[in-house]
Amino acid sequence: MNRTNDKTLKEAMAQLLKVYRLKGKFDETNAVTSWQEVVGVAVANRTKEIFIRDKKLFVRIESSVIKNQLMMMRAQIIENLNQKAGDVVLNDIVFL
C-alpha cells in the first residue's frame, strides 16, 4: 500500500533539517568530522582544535612544519571538505 505522503527516512530527515534551519550546522559538523579522512591520521593527531565560524575553518596545529604543508594544500582541503559535507560550507581555512 503506497500513500501519497510517504517519504523515505532520508527525505524526512532532510525536511526536518530544513524546517528547523539546522542544515547549515549539520553540514558544518559533517565537514569537521571529515577532517581526519581528508588530511590523514598523522595530521589529525597533531590537530589540537578545529571549529567553523563564518564559513572559515579554524584549525590549531601543534607542528609548524605540518602547518606550512597544509597552507600549500589549502584550496584542495577546502574542496574536499565541502565535497564531504555535500554543500559549500567553507570558504577559507585559518591555521592557528
Protein backbone atom coordinates (compact mmCIF):
# COMPACT_ATOMS: atom_id res chain seq x y z
CA MET A 1 0.00 0.00 0.00
CA ASN A 2 1.51 3.31 -1.12
CA ARG A 3 0.30 6.54 0.42
CA THR A 4 0.77 9.91 -1.24
CA ASN A 5 2.65 11.45 1.68
CA ASP A 6 5.04 8.52 2.29
CA LYS A 7 8.68 9.56 2.49
CA THR A 8 11.91 7.76 2.93
CA LEU A 9 13.83 8.33 6.13
CA LYS A 10 16.43 10.34 4.19
CA GLU A 11 13.75 12.65 2.75
CA ALA A 12 12.13 13.07 6.18
CA MET A 13 15.47 13.95 7.81
CA ALA A 14 16.28 16.45 5.05
CA GLN A 15 12.89 18.09 5.50
CA LEU A 16 13.33 18.17 9.29
CA LEU A 17 16.75 19.85 9.00
CA LYS A 18 15.33 22.38 6.55
CA VAL A 19 12.26 23.23 8.63
CA TYR A 20 14.25 23.73 11.83
CA ARG A 21 17.07 25.55 9.98
CA LEU A 22 19.67 23.05 11.13
CA LYS A 23 21.04 22.01 7.74
CA GLY A 24 23.91 24.50 7.85
CA LYS A 25 25.10 23.36 11.27
CA PHE A 26 24.66 19.73 10.24
CA ASP A 27 26.81 20.29 7.14
CA GLU A 28 29.46 22.13 9.20
CA THR A 29 29.60 19.26 11.68
CA ASN A 30 29.95 16.82 8.81
CA ALA A 31 32.89 18.82 7.43
CA VAL A 32 34.64 18.94 10.83
CA THR A 33 34.20 15.20 11.39
CA SER A 34 35.64 14.54 7.91
CA TRP A 35 38.90 16.33 8.82
CA GLN A 36 40.77 13.11 9.64
CA GLU A 37 39.59 11.40 6.46
CA VAL A 38 40.65 14.36 4.28
CA VAL A 39 44.06 15.14 5.79
CA GLY A 40 45.03 11.74 7.17
CA VAL A 41 45.59 10.26 10.60
CA ALA A 42 49.08 11.72 11.12
CA VAL A 43 47.90 15.30 10.60
CA ALA A 44 44.66 14.73 12.53
CA ASN A 45 46.69 13.52 15.53
CA ARG A 46 48.60 16.83 15.50
CA THR A 47 45.36 18.84 15.35
CA LYS A 48 44.54 20.36 18.72
CA GLU A 49 41.39 22.35 17.94
CA ILE A 50 39.05 22.63 14.97
CA PHE A 51 35.87 24.67 14.51
CA ILE A 52 33.93 26.66 11.91
CA ARG A 53 32.82 30.26 12.22
CA ASP A 54 31.51 32.46 9.38
CA LYS A 55 32.39 29.88 6.70
CA LYS A 56 36.00 29.81 7.90
CA LEU A 57 37.58 26.68 9.30
CA PHE A 58 39.90 27.43 12.23
CA VAL A 59 42.48 24.73 12.90
CA ARG A 60 45.11 24.73 15.64
CA ILE A 61 48.07 22.60 14.60
CA GLU A 62 50.94 21.89 17.02
CA SER A 63 53.58 21.38 14.30
CA SER A 64 54.78 24.35 12.23
CA VAL A 65 56.05 22.02 9.50
CA ILE A 66 52.64 20.41 9.08
CA LYS A 67 51.00 23.82 9.24
CA ASN A 68 53.12 25.05 6.32
CA GLN A 69 52.32 21.95 4.27
CA LEU A 70 48.59 22.40 4.94
CA MET A 71 48.78 26.06 3.90
CA MET A 72 50.05 24.98 0.49
CA MET A 73 47.21 22.46 0.17
CA ARG A 74 44.54 24.88 1.44
CA ALA A 75 42.39 25.01 -1.72
CA GLN A 76 42.36 21.24 -2.12
CA ILE A 77 41.42 20.72 1.55
CA ILE A 78 38.55 23.22 1.28
CA GLU A 79 37.26 21.50 -1.85
CA ASN A 80 37.45 18.04 -0.26
CA LEU A 81 35.74 19.11 2.97
CA ASN A 82 32.95 20.86 1.05
CA GLN A 83 32.50 17.74 -1.04
CA LYS A 84 32.25 15.57 2.09
CA ALA A 85 29.72 17.99 3.60
CA GLY A 86 27.62 17.97 0.44
CA ASP A 87 27.42 21.78 0.26
CA VAL A 88 29.66 24.85 0.27
CA VAL A 89 30.33 25.09 3.98
CA LEU A 90 33.83 26.59 3.88
CA ASN A 91 35.39 29.48 2.00
CA ASP A 92 38.71 29.68 3.85
CA ILE A 93 40.94 27.92 6.36
CA VAL A 94 42.81 29.73 9.12
CA PHE A 95 45.69 27.84 10.70
CA LEU A 96 46.40 28.85 14.28
